[in-house]
């Protein structure tokens, strides 16, 4: 059975926390590759403005290009209307076939929302889920949520602590608005793209 990681997110912007997480999980779970899937129109992000999808796709492409085990998919970027994880997983499974097993990588905070996602019970049965946590995250809360999912749906969700997840896209955007440095928080190619396109200055 071939194993492929799927890393979804807005990547607004992508940073070293995302990249270290993907590489750590690729190695730990013996994945052939990790496909980054920038979200198109995420229904759970309506409370804030999300940067243009082409900007987010290009930044993700620039950040992942040096790693031969990383790819970027336009699947959600090109999809019309709200983008739901279950539709993405189904499409990947249809394109790759039964000999491939998918591992969906997401932040631990999303695990607290996963039961509210579209067709959550069916979604949990379609692939494996990995929750990436950062140091200082309330491990008791995440452990309780993972146990709840297991007891309710009979589904184990893996948890992996990644130190570099202390970096956040929210903080990077705030730093740019305040004129503070973002160097060493994300790849130079992404930093250059942000400056060239004047992203996040408002």
C-alpha atoms as a PDB file:
ATOM      1  CA  UNK A   1       0.000   0.000   0.000  1.00  0.00           C
ATOM      2  CA  UNK A   2       1.379   3.402  -1.009  1.00  0.00           C
ATOM      3  CA  UNK A   3       1.128   6.171   1.581  1.00  0.00           C
ATOM      4  CA  UNK A   4       0.621   9.816   0.642  1.00  0.00           C
ATOM      5  CA  UNK A   5       0.290  12.798   2.946  1.00  0.00           C
ATOM      6  CA  UNK A   6      -2.182  15.575   2.240  1.00  0.00           C
ATOM      7  CA  UNK A   7      -1.537  18.876   3.994  1.00  0.00           C
ATOM      8  CA  UNK A   8      -4.446  21.258   3.777  1.00  0.00           C
ATOM      9  CA  UNK A   9      -4.463  24.868   4.864  1.00  0.00           C
ATOM     10  CA  UNK A  10      -4.892  28.447   3.772  1.00  0.00           C
ATOM     11  CA  UNK A  11      -1.078  28.932   3.785  1.00  0.00           C
ATOM     12  CA  UNK A  12      -1.564  32.668   4.200  1.00  0.00           C
ATOM     13  CA  UNK A  13       1.420  32.739   4.167  1.00  0.00           C
ATOM     14  CA  UNK A  14       3.125  29.350   4.269  1.00  0.00           C
ATOM     15  CA  UNK A  15       6.037  29.273   6.738  1.00  0.00           C
ATOM     16  CA  UNK A  16       8.727  27.009   8.160  1.00  0.00           C
ATOM     17  CA  UNK A  17       6.287  25.555  10.688  1.00  0.00           C
ATOM     18  CA  UNK A  18       4.261  24.051   7.837  1.00  0.00           C
ATOM     19  CA  UNK A  19       7.359  22.752   6.054  1.00  0.00           C
ATOM     20  CA  UNK A  20       8.983  21.205   9.139  1.00  0.00           C
ATOM     21  CA  UNK A  21       5.672  19.591  10.070  1.00  0.00           C
ATOM     22  CA  UNK A  22       5.252  18.023   6.627  1.00  0.00           C
ATOM     23  CA  UNK A  23       8.821  16.701   6.564  1.00  0.00           C
ATOM     24  CA  UNK A  24       8.649  15.357  10.125  1.00  0.00           C
ATOM     25  CA  UNK A  25       5.387  13.528   9.455  1.00  0.00           C
ATOM     26  CA  UNK A  26       6.596  12.279   6.048  1.00  0.00           C
ATOM     27  CA  UNK A  27       9.514  10.606   7.792  1.00  0.00           C
ATOM     28  CA  UNK A  28       7.604   9.379  10.853  1.00  0.00           C
ATOM     29  CA  UNK A  29       4.786   7.771   8.851  1.00  0.00           C
ATOM     30  CA  UNK A  30       6.955   6.635   5.934  1.00  0.00           C
ATOM     31  CA  UNK A  31       4.995   8.648   3.353  1.00  0.00           C
ATOM     32  CA  UNK A  32       6.077   8.584  -0.295  1.00  0.00           C
ATOM     33  CA  UNK A  33       5.326  12.298  -0.586  1.00  0.00           C
ATOM     34  CA  UNK A  34       3.305  15.115   0.908  1.00  0.00           C
ATOM     35  CA  UNK A  35       0.905  17.063  -1.297  1.00  0.00           C
ATOM     36  CA  UNK A  36       0.142  20.584  -0.081  1.00  0.00           C
ATOM     37  CA  UNK A  37      -3.451  21.588  -0.844  1.00  0.00           C
ATOM     38  CA  UNK A  38      -4.035  25.355  -0.511  1.00  0.00           C
ATOM     39  CA  UNK A  39      -7.696  25.923   0.283  1.00  0.00           C
ATOM     40  CA  UNK A  40      -9.881  27.593  -2.285  1.00  0.00           C
ATOM     41  CA  UNK A  41     -12.886  29.075  -0.468  1.00  0.00           C
ATOM     42  CA  UNK A  42     -12.662  27.703   3.089  1.00  0.00           C
ATOM     43  CA  UNK A  43     -16.109  27.952   4.731  1.00  0.00           C
ATOM     44  CA  UNK A  44     -14.538  28.154   8.234  1.00  0.00           C
ATOM     45  CA  UNK A  45     -12.454  31.239   7.389  1.00  0.00           C
ATOM     46  CA  UNK A  46     -15.304  33.585   6.562  1.00  0.00           C
ATOM     47  CA  UNK A  47     -14.610  35.652   9.679  1.00  0.00           C
ATOM     48  CA  UNK A  48     -11.470  37.153   8.137  1.00  0.00           C
ATOM     49  CA  UNK A  49     -10.203  38.127   4.722  1.00  0.00           C
ATOM     50  CA  UNK A  50      -8.123  35.401   3.096  1.00  0.00           C
ATOM     51  CA  UNK A  51      -5.544  36.435   0.506  1.00  0.00           C
ATOM     52  CA  UNK A  52      -6.159  35.765  -3.171  1.00  0.00           C
ATOM     53  CA  UNK A  53      -5.861  32.057  -3.885  1.00  0.00           C
ATOM     54  CA  UNK A  54      -3.283  32.529  -6.644  1.00  0.00           C
ATOM     55  CA  UNK A  55      -0.972  34.354  -4.227  1.00  0.00           C
ATOM     56  CA  UNK A  56      -1.350  31.553  -1.697  1.00  0.00           C
ATOM     57  CA  UNK A  57      -0.771  28.872  -4.335  1.00  0.00           C
ATOM     58  CA  UNK A  58       2.372  30.556  -5.679  1.00  0.00           C
ATOM     59  CA  UNK A  59       3.834  31.094  -2.204  1.00  0.00           C
ATOM     60  CA  UNK A  60       3.214  27.422  -1.421  1.00  0.00           C
ATOM     61  CA  UNK A  61       4.831  26.389  -4.699  1.00  0.00           C
ATOM     62  CA  UNK A  62       7.913  28.539  -4.025  1.00  0.00           C
ATOM     63  CA  UNK A  63       8.273  27.201  -0.481  1.00  0.00           C
ATOM     64  CA  UNK A  64       7.963  23.517  -1.387  1.00  0.00           C
ATOM     65  CA  UNK A  65       9.917  23.484  -4.681  1.00  0.00           C
ATOM     66  CA  UNK A  66      13.315  22.617  -3.119  1.00  0.00           C
ATOM     67  CA  UNK A  67      11.977  19.400  -1.537  1.00  0.00           C
ATOM     68  CA  UNK A  68      11.588  16.500  -4.037  1.00  0.00           C
ATOM     69  CA  UNK A  69       9.082  14.827  -1.700  1.00  0.00           C
ATOM     70  CA  UNK A  70       6.721  17.823  -1.719  1.00  0.00           C
ATOM     71  CA  UNK A  71       4.075  18.687  -4.310  1.00  0.00           C
ATOM     72  CA  UNK A  72       1.360  21.330  -4.527  1.00  0.00           C
ATOM     73  CA  UNK A  73      -2.163  20.666  -5.790  1.00  0.00           C
ATOM     74  CA  UNK A  74      -4.522  23.205  -7.356  1.00  0.00           C
ATOM     75  CA  UNK A  75      -7.494  20.955  -6.643  1.00  0.00           C
ATOM     76  CA  UNK A  76      -9.230  23.263  -4.161  1.00  0.00           C
ATOM     77  CA  UNK A  77      -7.964  26.472  -5.767  1.00  0.00           C
ATOM     78  CA  UNK A  78      -9.681  25.528  -9.033  1.00  0.00           C
ATOM     79  CA  UNK A  79     -12.891  24.216  -7.458  1.00  0.00           C
ATOM     80  CA  UNK A  80     -15.909  26.496  -7.613  1.00  0.00           C
ATOM     81  CA  UNK A  81     -17.853  27.359  -4.466  1.00  0.00           C
ATOM     82  CA  UNK A  82     -16.993  26.431  -0.870  1.00  0.00           C
ATOM     83  CA  UNK A  83     -14.239  23.832  -0.558  1.00  0.00           C
ATOM     84  CA  UNK A  84     -14.849  20.912   1.777  1.00  0.00           C
ATOM     85  CA  UNK A  85     -12.202  18.424   2.918  1.00  0.00           C
ATOM     86  CA  UNK A  86     -14.409  15.420   2.212  1.00  0.00           C
ATOM     87  CA  UNK A  87     -14.733  16.389  -1.462  1.00  0.00           C
ATOM     88  CA  UNK A  88     -10.958  16.779  -1.701  1.00  0.00           C
ATOM     89  CA  UNK A  89     -10.251  13.388  -0.131  1.00  0.00           C
ATOM     90  CA  UNK A  90     -12.794  11.684  -2.405  1.00  0.00           C
ATOM     91  CA  UNK A  91     -11.229  13.285  -5.479  1.00  0.00           C
ATOM     92  CA  UNK A  92      -7.708  12.209  -4.519  1.00  0.00           C
ATOM     93  CA  UNK A  93      -8.884   8.665  -3.825  1.00  0.00           C
ATOM     94  CA  UNK A  94     -10.656   8.528  -7.185  1.00  0.00           C
ATOM     95  CA  UNK A  95      -7.582   9.809  -9.046  1.00  0.00           C
ATOM     96  CA  UNK A  96      -5.019   7.575  -7.316  1.00  0.00           C
ATOM     97  CA  UNK A  97      -6.971   4.346  -6.830  1.00  0.00           C
ATOM     98  CA  UNK A  98      -7.302   1.765  -4.078  1.00  0.00           C
ATOM     99  CA  UNK A  99      -3.589   1.010  -3.790  1.00  0.00           C
ATOM    100  CA  UNK A 100      -3.000   4.417  -2.172  1.00  0.00           C
ATOM    101  CA  UNK A 101      -3.643   5.298   1.449  1.00  0.00           C
ATOM    102  CA  UNK A 102      -3.981   8.964   2.416  1.00  0.00           C
ATOM    103  CA  UNK A 103      -2.888  10.708   5.606  1.00  0.00           C
ATOM    104  CA  UNK A 104      -4.498  14.110   6.135  1.00  0.00           C
ATOM    105  CA  UNK A 105      -2.220  16.444   8.102  1.00  0.00           C
ATOM    106  CA  UNK A 106      -3.785  19.315   9.974  1.00  0.00           C
ATOM    107  CA  UNK A 107      -3.184  21.537  12.980  1.00  0.00           C
ATOM    108  CA  UNK A 108      -4.332  20.379  16.390  1.00  0.00           C
ATOM    109  CA  UNK A 109      -6.731  23.331  16.630  1.00  0.00           C
ATOM    110  CA  UNK A 110      -8.625  21.971  13.615  1.00  0.00           C
ATOM    111  CA  UNK A 111      -9.149  18.659  15.403  1.00  0.00           C
ATOM    112  CA  UNK A 112     -11.457  20.472  17.830  1.00  0.00           C
ATOM    113  CA  UNK A 113     -13.571  21.540  14.837  1.00  0.00           C
ATOM    114  CA  UNK A 114     -13.418  18.341  12.799  1.00  0.00           C
ATOM    115  CA  UNK A 115     -16.717  16.953  14.078  1.00  0.00           C
ATOM    116  CA  UNK A 116     -18.418  20.072  12.692  1.00  0.00           C
ATOM    117  CA  UNK A 117     -16.949  19.561   9.219  1.00  0.00           C
ATOM    118  CA  UNK A 118     -19.159  18.414   6.371  1.00  0.00           C
ATOM    119  CA  UNK A 119     -20.036  14.683   6.660  1.00  0.00           C
ATOM    120  CA  UNK A 120     -17.539  14.267   9.510  1.00  0.00           C
ATOM    121  CA  UNK A 121     -18.307  10.605  10.216  1.00  0.00           C
ATOM    122  CA  UNK A 122     -17.851   9.595   6.583  1.00  0.00           C
ATOM    123  CA  UNK A 123     -14.754  11.779   6.316  1.00  0.00           C
ATOM    124  CA  UNK A 124     -13.058  10.052   9.257  1.00  0.00           C
ATOM    125  CA  UNK A 125     -13.488   6.723   7.478  1.00  0.00           C
ATOM    126  CA  UNK A 126     -11.907   7.857   4.214  1.00  0.00           C
ATOM    127  CA  UNK A 127      -8.331   8.443   5.393  1.00  0.00           C
ATOM    128  CA  UNK A 128      -5.992   8.644   8.357  1.00  0.00           C
ATOM    129  CA  UNK A 129      -5.782  11.921  10.291  1.00  0.00           C
ATOM    130  CA  UNK A 130      -2.686  13.405  11.905  1.00  0.00           C
ATOM    131  CA  UNK A 131      -2.959  16.348  14.300  1.00  0.00           C
ATOM    132  CA  UNK A 132       0.252  18.392  14.481  1.00  0.00           C
ATOM    133  CA  UNK A 133       0.615  20.090  17.871  1.00  0.00           C
ATOM    134  CA  UNK A 134       3.028  22.772  19.020  1.00  0.00           C
ATOM    135  CA  UNK A 135       4.882  22.993  22.344  1.00  0.00           C
ATOM    136  CA  UNK A 136       2.725  24.648  24.967  1.00  0.00           C
ATOM    137  CA  UNK A 137      -0.515  23.459  23.377  1.00  0.00           C
ATOM    138  CA  UNK A 138      -2.888  22.027  25.984  1.00  0.00           C
ATOM    139  CA  UNK A 139      -2.100  18.354  25.545  1.00  0.00           C
ATOM    140  CA  UNK A 140      -4.785  17.291  27.998  1.00  0.00           C
ATOM    141  CA  UNK A 141      -7.459  18.974  25.864  1.00  0.00           C
ATOM    142  CA  UNK A 142      -6.189  17.470  22.620  1.00  0.00           C
ATOM    143  CA  UNK A 143      -5.856  14.032  24.226  1.00  0.00           C
ATOM    144  CA  UNK A 144      -9.445  14.238  25.463  1.00  0.00           C
ATOM    145  CA  UNK A 145     -10.678  15.236  21.996  1.00  0.00           C
ATOM    146  CA  UNK A 146      -8.774  12.396  20.311  1.00  0.00           C
ATOM    147  CA  UNK A 147     -10.180   9.912  22.836  1.00  0.00           C
ATOM    148  CA  UNK A 148     -13.674  11.291  22.197  1.00  0.00           C
ATOM    149  CA  UNK A 149     -13.291  10.767  18.445  1.00  0.00           C
ATOM    150  CA  UNK A 150     -11.991   7.235  18.995  1.00  0.00           C
ATOM    151  CA  UNK A 151     -14.786   6.249  21.376  1.00  0.00           C
ATOM    152  CA  UNK A 152     -17.519   7.810  19.254  1.00  0.00           C
ATOM    153  CA  UNK A 153     -16.346   6.736  15.793  1.00  0.00           C
ATOM    154  CA  UNK A 154     -13.839   3.968  16.490  1.00  0.00           C
ATOM    155  CA  UNK A 155     -11.232   6.023  14.667  1.00  0.00           C
ATOM    156  CA  UNK A 156      -7.710   6.739  15.911  1.00  0.00           C
ATOM    157  CA  UNK A 157      -6.348  10.190  15.130  1.00  0.00           C
ATOM    158  CA  UNK A 158      -2.576  10.431  15.453  1.00  0.00           C
ATOM    159  CA  UNK A 159      -0.920  13.310  17.300  1.00  0.00           C
ATOM    160  CA  UNK A 160       2.611  14.567  16.577  1.00  0.00           C
ATOM    161  CA  UNK A 161       4.329  17.427  18.423  1.00  0.00           C
ATOM    162  CA  UNK A 162       6.343  19.717  16.147  1.00  0.00           C
ATOM    163  CA  UNK A 163       8.470  22.443  17.822  1.00  0.00           C
ATOM    164  CA  UNK A 164       8.518  24.750  14.782  1.00  0.00           C
ATOM    165  CA  UNK A 165       4.724  25.098  14.875  1.00  0.00           C
ATOM    166  CA  UNK A 166       5.270  27.935  17.337  1.00  0.00           C
ATOM    167  CA  UNK A 167       5.534  30.021  14.146  1.00  0.00           C
ATOM    168  CA  UNK A 168       2.115  31.197  12.940  1.00  0.00           C
ATOM    169  CA  UNK A 169       0.743  32.829   9.796  1.00  0.00           C
ATOM    170  CA  UNK A 170      -1.278  35.190  11.995  1.00  0.00           C
ATOM    171  CA  UNK A 171       1.881  36.462  13.685  1.00  0.00           C
ATOM    172  CA  UNK A 172       3.672  36.866  10.348  1.00  0.00           C
ATOM    173  CA  UNK A 173       0.816  38.952   8.935  1.00  0.00           C
ATOM    174  CA  UNK A 174       0.809  41.108  12.070  1.00  0.00           C
ATOM    175  CA  UNK A 175       4.566  41.604  11.869  1.00  0.00           C
ATOM    176  CA  UNK A 176       4.298  42.791   8.275  1.00  0.00           C
ATOM    177  CA  UNK A 177       1.548  45.268   9.154  1.00  0.00           C
ATOM    178  CA  UNK A 178       3.722  46.633  11.971  1.00  0.00           C
ATOM    179  CA  UNK A 179       6.889  46.765   9.865  1.00  0.00           C
ATOM    180  CA  UNK A 180       8.659  44.138  11.989  1.00  0.00           C
ATOM    181  CA  UNK A 181      11.029  41.476  10.567  1.00  0.00           C
ATOM    182  CA  UNK A 182       9.801  38.140   9.253  1.00  0.00           C
ATOM    183  CA  UNK A 183      13.190  36.778   8.187  1.00  0.00           C
ATOM    184  CA  UNK A 184      13.882  33.181   9.293  1.00  0.00           C
ATOM    185  CA  UNK A 185      10.168  32.553   9.841  1.00  0.00           C
ATOM    186  CA  UNK A 186       9.568  31.511   6.233  1.00  0.00           C
ATOM    187  CA  UNK A 187      11.648  30.766   3.115  1.00  0.00           C
ATOM    188  CA  UNK A 188      13.416  33.717   1.484  1.00  0.00           C
ATOM    189  CA  UNK A 189      11.538  33.057  -1.763  1.00  0.00           C
ATOM    190  CA  UNK A 190       8.215  33.561   0.051  1.00  0.00           C
ATOM    191  CA  UNK A 191       9.499  36.643   1.887  1.00  0.00           C
ATOM    192  CA  UNK A 192      10.573  38.149  -1.445  1.00  0.00           C
ATOM    193  CA  UNK A 193       7.201  37.334  -3.033  1.00  0.00           C
ATOM    194  CA  UNK A 194       5.325  38.979  -0.152  1.00  0.00           C
ATOM    195  CA  UNK A 195       7.393  42.151  -0.486  1.00  0.00           C
ATOM    196  CA  UNK A 196       7.150  42.205  -4.285  1.00  0.00           C
ATOM    197  CA  UNK A 197       3.352  41.893  -4.182  1.00  0.00           C
ATOM    198  CA  UNK A 198       2.887  44.157  -1.128  1.00  0.00           C
ATOM    199  CA  UNK A 199       0.908  41.498   0.713  1.00  0.00           C
ATOM    200  CA  UNK A 200      -0.431  41.940   4.259  1.00  0.00           C
ATOM    201  CA  UNK A 201       0.492  45.607   4.554  1.00  0.00           C
ATOM    202  CA  UNK A 202      -3.122  46.596   5.287  1.00  0.00           C
END
